[in-house]
Amino acid sequence: MDTTNLQAGLEALTGYDFEQAENAERTAGNMTPDISFSKGFQARLAAKALGVSITDIKNLGIREYAVITTKVMNFLFANLAADVQAAANGDQPTNMQESPSNS
């Protein structure tokens, strides 16, 4: 499977896509307390980002599946450590800073 556009596809997703993937996982019985840590949820986001079905992602070999879901996890949590430190310092998290167009 060509995953060269995974990063761009993830960047194009919205909160609606996040909630749709979460709802699908919950309906399927996934009760992971924080859905962002679920491989099934990450697989659904990857499928949406790549424009393929969840079945296509789940049919991948285990190594490729692990690589793709790890890339999604890294995308979701890339700034987490920096944001926690910023919050501890009383600063605004890096991924929550307002862009000039939002000012």
PDB file of N, CA and C in Angstrom:
ATOM      1  N   MET A   1       0.848  -1.177   0.000  1.00  0.00           N
ATOM      2  CA  MET A   1       0.000   0.000   0.000  1.00  0.00           C
ATOM      3  C   MET A   1       0.892   1.239   0.000  1.00  0.00           C
ATOM      4  N   ASP A   2       0.552   2.183  -0.840  1.00  0.00           N
ATOM      5  CA  ASP A   2       1.302   3.436  -0.919  1.00  0.00           C
ATOM      6  C   ASP A   2       0.859   4.363   0.217  1.00  0.00           C
ATOM      7  N   THR A   3       1.771   4.653   1.115  1.00  0.00           N
ATOM      8  CA  THR A   3       1.440   5.513   2.255  1.00  0.00           C
ATOM      9  C   THR A   3       2.172   6.850   2.195  1.00  0.00           C
ATOM     10  N   THR A   4       2.676   7.207   1.028  1.00  0.00           N
ATOM     11  CA  THR A   4       3.445   8.445   0.907  1.00  0.00           C
ATOM     12  C   THR A   4       2.605   9.681   1.225  1.00  0.00           C
ATOM     13  N   ASN A   5       1.292   9.593   1.078  1.00  0.00           N
ATOM     14  CA  ASN A   5       0.426  10.743   1.343  1.00  0.00           C
ATOM     15  C   ASN A   5      -0.235  10.681   2.720  1.00  0.00           C
ATOM     16  N   LEU A   6       0.239   9.792   3.586  1.00  0.00           N
ATOM     17  CA  LEU A   6      -0.387   9.641   4.899  1.00  0.00           C
ATOM     18  C   LEU A   6      -0.321  10.935   5.706  1.00  0.00           C
ATOM     19  N   GLN A   7       0.842  11.546   5.790  1.00  0.00           N
ATOM     20  CA  GLN A   7       1.007  12.771   6.575  1.00  0.00           C
ATOM     21  C   GLN A   7       0.081  13.874   6.053  1.00  0.00           C
ATOM     22  N   ALA A   8       0.074  14.094   4.766  1.00  0.00           N
ATOM     23  CA  ALA A   8      -0.789  15.128   4.195  1.00  0.00           C
ATOM     24  C   ALA A   8      -2.260  14.802   4.420  1.00  0.00           C
ATOM     25  N   GLY A   9      -2.602  13.541   4.309  1.00  0.00           N
ATOM     26  CA  GLY A   9      -3.982  13.121   4.544  1.00  0.00           C
ATOM     27  C   GLY A   9      -4.398  13.350   5.991  1.00  0.00           C
ATOM     28  N   LEU A  10      -3.505  13.063   6.927  1.00  0.00           N
ATOM     29  CA  LEU A  10      -3.800  13.286   8.339  1.00  0.00           C
ATOM     30  C   LEU A  10      -3.978  14.775   8.625  1.00  0.00           C
ATOM     31  N   GLU A  11      -3.129  15.592   8.027  1.00  0.00           N
ATOM     32  CA  GLU A  11      -3.229  17.036   8.232  1.00  0.00           C
ATOM     33  C   GLU A  11      -4.541  17.602   7.704  1.00  0.00           C
ATOM     34  N   ALA A  12      -5.137  16.931   6.733  1.00  0.00           N
ATOM     35  CA  ALA A  12      -6.392  17.404   6.140  1.00  0.00           C
ATOM     36  C   ALA A  12      -7.628  16.975   6.935  1.00  0.00           C
ATOM     37  N   LEU A  13      -7.464  16.039   7.871  1.00  0.00           N
ATOM     38  CA  LEU A  13      -8.610  15.570   8.648  1.00  0.00           C
ATOM     39  C   LEU A  13      -9.100  16.648   9.610  1.00  0.00           C
ATOM     40  N   THR A  14     -10.349  16.525  10.001  1.00  0.00           N
ATOM     41  CA  THR A  14     -10.969  17.497  10.907  1.00  0.00           C
ATOM     42  C   THR A  14     -11.434  16.806  12.187  1.00  0.00           C
ATOM     43  N   GLY A  15     -11.949  17.596  13.084  1.00  0.00           N
ATOM     44  CA  GLY A  15     -12.537  17.047  14.300  1.00  0.00           C
ATOM     45  C   GLY A  15     -13.693  16.123  13.996  1.00  0.00           C
ATOM     46  N   TYR A  16     -14.430  16.417  12.933  1.00  0.00           N
ATOM     47  CA  TYR A  16     -15.539  15.545  12.530  1.00  0.00           C
ATOM     48  C   TYR A  16     -15.018  14.163  12.148  1.00  0.00           C
ATOM     49  N   ASP A  17     -13.888  14.123  11.446  1.00  0.00           N
ATOM     50  CA  ASP A  17     -13.294  12.845  11.076  1.00  0.00           C
ATOM     51  C   ASP A  17     -12.848  12.077  12.324  1.00  0.00           C
ATOM     52  N   PHE A  18     -12.282  12.793  13.278  1.00  0.00           N
ATOM     53  CA  PHE A  18     -11.854  12.187  14.543  1.00  0.00           C
ATOM     54  C   PHE A  18     -13.059  11.558  15.235  1.00  0.00           C
ATOM     55  N   GLU A  19     -14.136  12.313  15.366  1.00  0.00           N
ATOM     56  CA  GLU A  19     -15.327  11.805  16.046  1.00  0.00           C
ATOM     57  C   GLU A  19     -15.995  10.666  15.284  1.00  0.00           C
ATOM     58  N   GLN A  20     -15.979  10.728  13.969  1.00  0.00           N
ATOM     59  CA  GLN A  20     -16.552   9.646  13.161  1.00  0.00           C
ATOM     60  C   GLN A  20     -15.774   8.350  13.403  1.00  0.00           C
ATOM     61  N   ALA A  21     -14.451   8.464  13.427  1.00  0.00           N
ATOM     62  CA  ALA A  21     -13.624   7.277  13.682  1.00  0.00           C
ATOM     63  C   ALA A  21     -13.841   6.767  15.098  1.00  0.00           C
ATOM     64  N   GLU A  22     -13.948   7.685  16.054  1.00  0.00           N
ATOM     65  CA  GLU A  22     -14.203   7.273  17.433  1.00  0.00           C
ATOM     66  C   GLU A  22     -15.552   6.575  17.544  1.00  0.00           C
ATOM     67  N   ASN A  23     -16.595   7.143  16.944  1.00  0.00           N
ATOM     68  CA  ASN A  23     -17.927   6.533  17.004  1.00  0.00           C
ATOM     69  C   ASN A  23     -17.930   5.142  16.381  1.00  0.00           C
ATOM     70  N   ALA A  24     -17.226   4.984  15.258  1.00  0.00           N
ATOM     71  CA  ALA A  24     -17.159   3.673  14.612  1.00  0.00           C
ATOM     72  C   ALA A  24     -16.462   2.659  15.519  1.00  0.00           C
ATOM     73  N   GLU A  25     -15.407   3.088  16.185  1.00  0.00           N
ATOM     74  CA  GLU A  25     -14.697   2.188  17.095  1.00  0.00           C
ATOM     75  C   GLU A  25     -15.544   1.837  18.309  1.00  0.00           C
ATOM     76  N   ARG A  26     -16.242   2.813  18.866  1.00  0.00           N
ATOM     77  CA  ARG A  26     -17.102   2.545  20.026  1.00  0.00           C
ATOM     78  C   ARG A  26     -18.229   1.593  19.640  1.00  0.00           C
ATOM     79  N   THR A  27     -18.804   1.799  18.463  1.00  0.00           N
ATOM     80  CA  THR A  27     -19.869   0.918  17.976  1.00  0.00           C
ATOM     81  C   THR A  27     -19.351  -0.506  17.795  1.00  0.00           C
ATOM     82  N   ALA A  28     -18.085  -0.622  17.405  1.00  0.00           N
ATOM     83  CA  ALA A  28     -17.469  -1.936  17.218  1.00  0.00           C
ATOM     84  C   ALA A  28     -17.070  -2.580  18.546  1.00  0.00           C
ATOM     85  N   GLY A  29     -17.278  -1.860  19.652  1.00  0.00           N
ATOM     86  CA  GLY A  29     -16.994  -2.428  20.969  1.00  0.00           C
ATOM     87  C   GLY A  29     -15.687  -1.985  21.595  1.00  0.00           C
ATOM     88  N   ASN A  30     -14.997  -1.057  20.985  1.00  0.00           N
ATOM     89  CA  ASN A  30     -13.721  -0.583  21.521  1.00  0.00           C
ATOM     90  C   ASN A  30     -13.982   0.345  22.705  1.00  0.00           C
ATOM     91  N   MET A  31     -13.565  -0.069  23.874  1.00  0.00           N
ATOM     92  CA  MET A  31     -13.792   0.721  25.088  1.00  0.00           C
ATOM     93  C   MET A  31     -12.494   1.284  25.657  1.00  0.00           C
ATOM     94  N   THR A  32     -11.480   1.442  24.819  1.00  0.00           N
ATOM     95  CA  THR A  32     -10.233   2.059  25.256  1.00  0.00           C
ATOM     96  C   THR A  32     -10.560   3.415  25.869  1.00  0.00           C
ATOM     97  N   PRO A  33     -10.144   3.665  27.120  1.00  0.00           N
ATOM     98  CA  PRO A  33     -10.530   4.913  27.786  1.00  0.00           C
ATOM     99  C   PRO A  33     -10.192   6.175  26.986  1.00  0.00           C
ATOM    100  N   ASP A  34      -8.977   6.270  26.465  1.00  0.00           N
ATOM    101  CA  ASP A  34      -8.609   7.377  25.579  1.00  0.00           C
ATOM    102  C   ASP A  34      -8.438   6.785  24.193  1.00  0.00           C
ATOM    103  N   ILE A  35      -9.419   6.996  23.357  1.00  0.00           N
ATOM    104  CA  ILE A  35      -9.473   6.346  22.040  1.00  0.00           C
ATOM    105  C   ILE A  35      -8.243   6.644  21.183  1.00  0.00           C
ATOM    106  N   SER A  36      -7.574   7.749  21.436  1.00  0.00           N
ATOM    107  CA  SER A  36      -6.393   8.114  20.645  1.00  0.00           C
ATOM    108  C   SER A  36      -5.287   7.073  20.732  1.00  0.00           C
ATOM    109  N   PHE A  37      -5.271   6.279  21.817  1.00  0.00           N
ATOM    110  CA  PHE A  37      -4.239   5.260  22.002  1.00  0.00           C
ATOM    111  C   PHE A  37      -4.607   3.924  21.364  1.00  0.00           C
ATOM    112  N   SER A  38      -5.793   3.800  20.822  1.00  0.00           N
ATOM    113  CA  SER A  38      -6.261   2.548  20.243  1.00  0.00           C
ATOM    114  C   SER A  38      -5.708   2.341  18.836  1.00  0.00           C
ATOM    115  N   LYS A  39      -5.147   1.166  18.588  1.00  0.00           N
ATOM    116  CA  LYS A  39      -4.656   0.840  17.240  1.00  0.00           C
ATOM    117  C   LYS A  39      -5.813   0.796  16.237  1.00  0.00           C
ATOM    118  N   GLY A  40      -6.978   0.311  16.669  1.00  0.00           N
ATOM    119  CA  GLY A  40      -8.133   0.285  15.774  1.00  0.00           C
ATOM    120  C   GLY A  40      -8.544   1.684  15.359  1.00  0.00           C
ATOM    121  N   PHE A  41      -8.544   2.610  16.305  1.00  0.00           N
ATOM    122  CA  PHE A  41      -8.867   4.006  16.012  1.00  0.00           C
ATOM    123  C   PHE A  41      -7.818   4.605  15.079  1.00  0.00           C
ATOM    124  N   GLN A  42      -6.558   4.352  15.381  1.00  0.00           N
ATOM    125  CA  GLN A  42      -5.484   4.865  14.526  1.00  0.00           C
ATOM    126  C   GLN A  42      -5.591   4.297  13.112  1.00  0.00           C
ATOM    127  N   ALA A  43      -5.982   3.038  13.003  1.00  0.00           N
ATOM    128  CA  ALA A  43      -6.169   2.422  11.691  1.00  0.00           C
ATOM    129  C   ALA A  43      -7.304   3.104  10.933  1.00  0.00           C
ATOM    130  N   ARG A  44      -8.376   3.446  11.635  1.00  0.00           N
ATOM    131  CA  ARG A  44      -9.496   4.147  10.983  1.00  0.00           C
ATOM    132  C   ARG A  44      -9.067   5.525  10.489  1.00  0.00           C
ATOM    133  N   LEU A  45      -8.287   6.233  11.280  1.00  0.00           N
ATOM    134  CA  LEU A  45      -7.796   7.537  10.827  1.00  0.00           C
ATOM    135  C   LEU A  45      -6.879   7.380   9.615  1.00  0.00           C
ATOM    136  N   ALA A  46      -6.032   6.363   9.632  1.00  0.00           N
ATOM    137  CA  ALA A  46      -5.149   6.109   8.490  1.00  0.00           C
ATOM    138  C   ALA A  46      -5.960   5.812   7.236  1.00  0.00           C
ATOM    139  N   ALA A  47      -6.999   4.989   7.392  1.00  0.00           N
ATOM    140  CA  ALA A  47      -7.848   4.653   6.241  1.00  0.00           C
ATOM    141  C   ALA A  47      -8.482   5.916   5.664  1.00  0.00           C
ATOM    142  N   LYS A  48      -9.012   6.766   6.527  1.00  0.00           N
ATOM    143  CA  LYS A  48      -9.640   8.010   6.076  1.00  0.00           C
ATOM    144  C   LYS A  48      -8.604   8.904   5.396  1.00  0.00           C
ATOM    145  N   ALA A  49      -7.431   9.021   5.993  1.00  0.00           N
ATOM    146  CA  ALA A  49      -6.378   9.871   5.448  1.00  0.00           C
ATOM    147  C   ALA A  49      -5.880   9.380   4.093  1.00  0.00           C
ATOM    148  N   LEU A  50      -5.865   8.071   3.904  1.00  0.00           N
ATOM    149  CA  LEU A  50      -5.366   7.489   2.659  1.00  0.00           C
ATOM    150  C   LEU A  50      -6.460   7.253   1.622  1.00  0.00           C
ATOM    151  N   GLY A  51      -7.717   7.431   2.018  1.00  0.00           N
ATOM    152  CA  GLY A  51      -8.820   7.210   1.088  1.00  0.00           C
ATOM    153  C   GLY A  51      -9.035   5.751   0.756  1.00  0.00           C
ATOM    154  N   VAL A  52      -8.778   4.872   1.738  1.00  0.00           N
ATOM    155  CA  VAL A  52      -8.999   3.439   1.560  1.00  0.00           C
ATOM    156  C   VAL A  52      -9.959   2.969   2.634  1.00  0.00           C
ATOM    157  N   SER A  53     -10.378   1.731   2.561  1.00  0.00           N
ATOM    158  CA  SER A  53     -11.296   1.202   3.568  1.00  0.00           C
ATOM    159  C   SER A  53     -10.526   0.732   4.797  1.00  0.00           C
ATOM    160  N   ILE A  54     -11.219   0.650   5.913  1.00  0.00           N
ATOM    161  CA  ILE A  54     -10.610   0.110   7.132  1.00  0.00           C
ATOM    162  C   ILE A  54     -10.192  -1.341   6.905  1.00  0.00           C
ATOM    163  N   THR A  55     -10.944  -2.053   6.075  1.00  0.00           N
ATOM    164  CA  THR A  55     -10.594  -3.438   5.747  1.00  0.00           C
ATOM    165  C   THR A  55      -9.243  -3.497   5.042  1.00  0.00           C
ATOM    166  N   ASP A  56      -8.984  -2.537   4.146  1.00  0.00           N
ATOM    167  CA  ASP A  56      -7.685  -2.495   3.463  1.00  0.00           C
ATOM    168  C   ASP A  56      -6.545  -2.347   4.470  1.00  0.00           C
ATOM    169  N   ILE A  57      -6.751  -1.491   5.464  1.00  0.00           N
ATOM    170  CA  ILE A  57      -5.708  -1.284   6.475  1.00  0.00           C
ATOM    171  C   ILE A  57      -5.544  -2.535   7.336  1.00  0.00           C
ATOM    172  N   LYS A  58      -6.647  -3.105   7.772  1.00  0.00           N
ATOM    173  CA  LYS A  58      -6.565  -4.276   8.661  1.00  0.00           C
ATOM    174  C   LYS A  58      -6.076  -5.530   7.938  1.00  0.00           C
ATOM    175  N   ASN A  59      -6.154  -5.557   6.623  1.00  0.00           N
ATOM    176  CA  ASN A  59      -5.650  -6.692   5.849  1.00  0.00           C
ATOM    177  C   ASN A  59      -4.148  -6.618   5.593  1.00  0.00           C
ATOM    178  N   LEU A  60      -3.507  -5.521   5.992  1.00  0.00           N
ATOM    179  CA  LEU A  60      -2.065  -5.394   5.792  1.00  0.00           C
ATOM    180  C   LEU A  60      -1.321  -6.404   6.657  1.00  0.00           C
ATOM    181  N   GLY A  61      -0.109  -6.699   6.265  1.00  0.00           N
ATOM    182  CA  GLY A  61       0.748  -7.523   7.112  1.00  0.00           C
ATOM    183  C   GLY A  61       0.973  -6.806   8.443  1.00  0.00           C
ATOM    184  N   ILE A  62       1.266  -7.569   9.459  1.00  0.00           N
ATOM    185  CA  ILE A  62       1.357  -7.006  10.806  1.00  0.00           C
ATOM    186  C   ILE A  62       2.404  -5.906  10.910  1.00  0.00           C
ATOM    187  N   ARG A  63       3.526  -6.058  10.250  1.00  0.00           N
ATOM    188  CA  ARG A  63       4.566  -5.022  10.315  1.00  0.00           C
ATOM    189  C   ARG A  63       4.088  -3.730   9.670  1.00  0.00           C
ATOM    190  N   GLU A  64       3.495  -3.823   8.491  1.00  0.00           N
ATOM    191  CA  GLU A  64       3.019  -2.616   7.811  1.00  0.00           C
ATOM    192  C   GLU A  64       1.890  -1.969   8.611  1.00  0.00           C
ATOM    193  N   TYR A  65       1.003  -2.793   9.171  1.00  0.00           N
ATOM    194  CA  TYR A  65      -0.083  -2.280  10.020  1.00  0.00           C
ATOM    195  C   TYR A  65       0.505  -1.525  11.213  1.00  0.00           C
ATOM    196  N   ALA A  66       1.511  -2.116  11.856  1.00  0.00           N
ATOM    197  CA  ALA A  66       2.137  -1.484  13.016  1.00  0.00           C
ATOM    198  C   ALA A  66       2.818  -0.169  12.629  1.00  0.00           C
ATOM    199  N   VAL A  67       3.464  -0.157  11.480  1.00  0.00           N
ATOM    200  CA  VAL A  67       4.137   1.068  11.028  1.00  0.00           C
ATOM    201  C   VAL A  67       3.118   2.174  10.766  1.00  0.00           C
ATOM    202  N   ILE A  68       2.048   1.847  10.077  1.00  0.00           N
ATOM    203  CA  ILE A  68       1.033   2.858   9.746  1.00  0.00           C
ATOM    204  C   ILE A  68       0.363   3.387  11.008  1.00  0.00           C
ATOM    205  N   THR A  69      -0.037   2.505  11.904  1.00  0.00           N
ATOM    206  CA  THR A  69      -0.711   2.977  13.117  1.00  0.00           C
ATOM    207  C   THR A  69       0.249   3.763  14.007  1.00  0.00           C
ATOM    208  N   THR A  70       1.515   3.409  14.009  1.00  0.00           N
ATOM    209  CA  THR A  70       2.495   4.172  14.780  1.00  0.00           C
ATOM    210  C   THR A  70       2.696   5.561  14.185  1.00  0.00           C
ATOM    211  N   LYS A  71       2.672   5.659  12.867  1.00  0.00           N
ATOM    212  CA  LYS A  71       2.774   6.977  12.225  1.00  0.00           C
ATOM    213  C   LYS A  71       1.587   7.859  12.609  1.00  0.00           C
ATOM    214  N   VAL A  72       0.406   7.269  12.680  1.00  0.00           N
ATOM    215  CA  VAL A  72      -0.781   8.037  13.097  1.00  0.00           C
ATOM    216  C   VAL A  72      -0.618   8.465  14.550  1.00  0.00           C
ATOM    217  N   MET A  73      -0.168   7.560  15.407  1.00  0.00           N
ATOM    218  CA  MET A  73       0.034   7.901  16.809  1.00  0.00           C
ATOM    219  C   MET A  73       1.054   9.028  16.942  1.00  0.00           C
ATOM    220  N   ASN A  74       2.140   8.955  16.209  1.00  0.00           N
ATOM    221  CA  ASN A  74       3.155  10.005  16.257  1.00  0.00           C
ATOM    222  C   ASN A  74       2.579  11.335  15.779  1.00  0.00           C
ATOM    223  N   PHE A  75       1.732  11.288  14.768  1.00  0.00           N
ATOM    224  CA  PHE A  75       1.087  12.504  14.286  1.00  0.00           C
ATOM    225  C   PHE A  75       0.210  13.113  15.380  1.00  0.00           C
ATOM    226  N   LEU A  76      -0.569  12.278  16.052  1.00  0.00           N
ATOM    227  CA  LEU A  76      -1.484  12.768  17.074  1.00  0.00           C
ATOM    228  C   LEU A  76      -0.755  13.327  18.299  1.00  0.00           C
ATOM    229  N   PHE A  77       0.371  12.730  18.660  1.00  0.00           N
ATOM    230  CA  PHE A  77       1.042  13.096  19.899  1.00  0.00           C
ATOM    231  C   PHE A  77       2.397  13.755  19.699  1.00  0.00           C
ATOM    232  N   ALA A  78       2.690  14.242  18.523  1.00  0.00           N
ATOM    233  CA  ALA A  78       4.012  14.782  18.204  1.00  0.00           C
ATOM    234  C   ALA A  78       4.462  15.879  19.152  1.00  0.00           C
ATOM    235  N   ASN A  79       3.576  16.767  19.534  1.00  0.00           N
ATOM    236  CA  ASN A  79       3.950  17.901  20.374  1.00  0.00           C
ATOM    237  C   ASN A  79       3.567  17.713  21.837  1.00  0.00           C
ATOM    238  N   LEU A  80       3.159  16.529  22.212  1.00  0.00           N
ATOM    239  CA  LEU A  80       2.629  16.317  23.552  1.00  0.00           C
ATOM    240  C   LEU A  80       3.627  16.704  24.649  1.00  0.00           C
ATOM    241  N   ALA A  81       4.873  16.249  24.557  1.00  0.00           N
ATOM    242  CA  ALA A  81       5.853  16.546  25.597  1.00  0.00           C
ATOM    243  C   ALA A  81       6.095  18.051  25.693  1.00  0.00           C
ATOM    244  N   ALA A  82       6.238  18.705  24.546  1.00  0.00           N
ATOM    245  CA  ALA A  82       6.464  20.152  24.550  1.00  0.00           C
ATOM    246  C   ALA A  82       5.253  20.890  25.112  1.00  0.00           C
ATOM    247  N   ASP A  83       4.064  20.421  24.810  1.00  0.00           N
ATOM    248  CA  ASP A  83       2.846  21.065  25.312  1.00  0.00           C
ATOM    249  C   ASP A  83       2.692  20.905  26.816  1.00  0.00           C
ATOM    250  N   VAL A  84       3.050  19.730  27.338  1.00  0.00           N
ATOM    251  CA  VAL A  84       2.979  19.506  28.780  1.00  0.00           C
ATOM    252  C   VAL A  84       3.960  20.439  29.486  1.00  0.00           C
ATOM    253  N   GLN A  85       5.159  20.552  28.942  1.00  0.00           N
ATOM    254  CA  GLN A  85       6.159  21.445  29.538  1.00  0.00           C
ATOM    255  C   GLN A  85       5.716  22.900  29.454  1.00  0.00           C
ATOM    256  N   ALA A  86       5.145  23.307  28.329  1.00  0.00           N
ATOM    257  CA  ALA A  86       4.654  24.677  28.177  1.00  0.00           C
ATOM    258  C   ALA A  86       3.563  24.970  29.192  1.00  0.00           C
ATOM    259  N   ALA A  87       2.657  24.038  29.383  1.00  0.00           N
ATOM    260  CA  ALA A  87       1.580  24.229  30.354  1.00  0.00           C
ATOM    261  C   ALA A  87       2.146  24.339  31.767  1.00  0.00           C
ATOM    262  N   ALA A  88       3.154  23.544  32.061  1.00  0.00           N
ATOM    263  CA  ALA A  88       3.778  23.597  33.384  1.00  0.00           C
ATOM    264  C   ALA A  88       4.450  24.944  33.624  1.00  0.00           C
ATOM    265  N   ASN A  89       4.933  25.553  32.547  1.00  0.00           N
ATOM    266  CA  ASN A  89       5.579  26.863  32.638  1.00  0.00           C
ATOM    267  C   ASN A  89       4.581  28.012  32.534  1.00  0.00           C
ATOM    268  N   GLY A  90       3.302  27.682  32.353  1.00  0.00           N
ATOM    269  CA  GLY A  90       2.286  28.715  32.215  1.00  0.00           C
ATOM    270  C   GLY A  90       2.197  29.298  30.823  1.00  0.00           C
ATOM    271  N   ASP A  91       2.852  28.658  29.861  1.00  0.00           N
ATOM    272  CA  ASP A  91       2.820  29.112  28.477  1.00  0.00           C
ATOM    273  C   ASP A  91       1.711  28.405  27.713  1.00  0.00           C
ATOM    274  N   GLN A  92       1.370  28.956  26.564  1.00  0.00           N
ATOM    275  CA  GLN A  92       0.355  28.333  25.725  1.00  0.00           C
ATOM    276  C   GLN A  92       0.981  27.172  24.961  1.00  0.00           C
ATOM    277  N   PRO A  93       0.305  26.019  24.900  1.00  0.00           N
ATOM    278  CA  PRO A  93       0.843  24.876  24.152  1.00  0.00           C
ATOM    279  C   PRO A  93       1.121  25.248  22.694  1.00  0.00           C
ATOM    280  N   THR A  94       2.140  24.623  22.102  1.00  0.00           N
ATOM    281  CA  THR A  94       2.564  24.945  20.742  1.00  0.00           C
ATOM    282  C   THR A  94       1.480  24.701  19.711  1.00  0.00           C
ATOM    283  N   ASN A  95       0.706  23.633  19.868  1.00  0.00           N
ATOM    284  CA  ASN A  95      -0.301  23.319  18.872  1.00  0.00           C
ATOM    285  C   ASN A  95      -1.603  24.071  19.097  1.00  0.00           C
ATOM    286  N   MET A  96      -1.670  24.894  20.122  1.00  0.00           N
ATOM    287  CA  MET A  96      -2.887  25.645  20.411  1.00  0.00           C
ATOM    288  C   MET A  96      -2.695  27.145  20.201  1.00  0.00           C
ATOM    289  N   GLN A  97      -1.517  27.551  19.730  1.00  0.00           N
ATOM    290  CA  GLN A  97      -1.271  28.961  19.519  1.00  0.00           C
ATOM    291  C   GLN A  97      -2.150  29.472  18.401  1.00  0.00           C
ATOM    292  N   GLU A  98      -2.630  30.679  18.562  1.00  0.00           N
ATOM    293  CA  GLU A  98      -3.482  31.261  17.523  1.00  0.00           C
ATOM    294  C   GLU A  98      -2.638  31.657  16.339  1.00  0.00           C
ATOM    295  N   SER A  99      -3.172  31.389  15.163  1.00  0.00           N
ATOM    296  CA  SER A  99      -2.492  31.824  13.949  1.00  0.00           C
ATOM    297  C   SER A  99      -2.882  33.277  13.709  1.00  0.00           C
ATOM    298  N   PRO A 100      -2.114  34.005  12.910  1.00  0.00           N
ATOM    299  CA  PRO A 100      -2.434  35.404  12.651  1.00  0.00           C
ATOM    300  C   PRO A 100      -3.840  35.605  12.115  1.00  0.00           C
ATOM    301  N   SER A 101      -4.365  34.632  11.374  1.00  0.00           N
ATOM    302  CA  SER A 101      -5.712  34.768  10.809  1.00  0.00           C
ATOM    303  C   SER A 101      -6.796  34.629  11.877  1.00  0.00           C
ATOM    304  N   ASN A 102      -6.448  34.047  13.044  1.00  0.00           N
ATOM    305  CA  ASN A 102      -7.420  33.866  14.124  1.00  0.00           C
ATOM    306  C   ASN A 102      -7.383  34.991  15.135  1.00  0.00           C
ATOM    307  N   SER A 103      -6.465  35.928  14.990  1.00  0.00           N
ATOM    308  CA  SER A 103      -6.328  36.998  15.968  1.00  0.00           C
ATOM    309  C   SER A 103      -7.373  38.065  15.791  1.00  0.00           C
TER     310      SER A 103
END
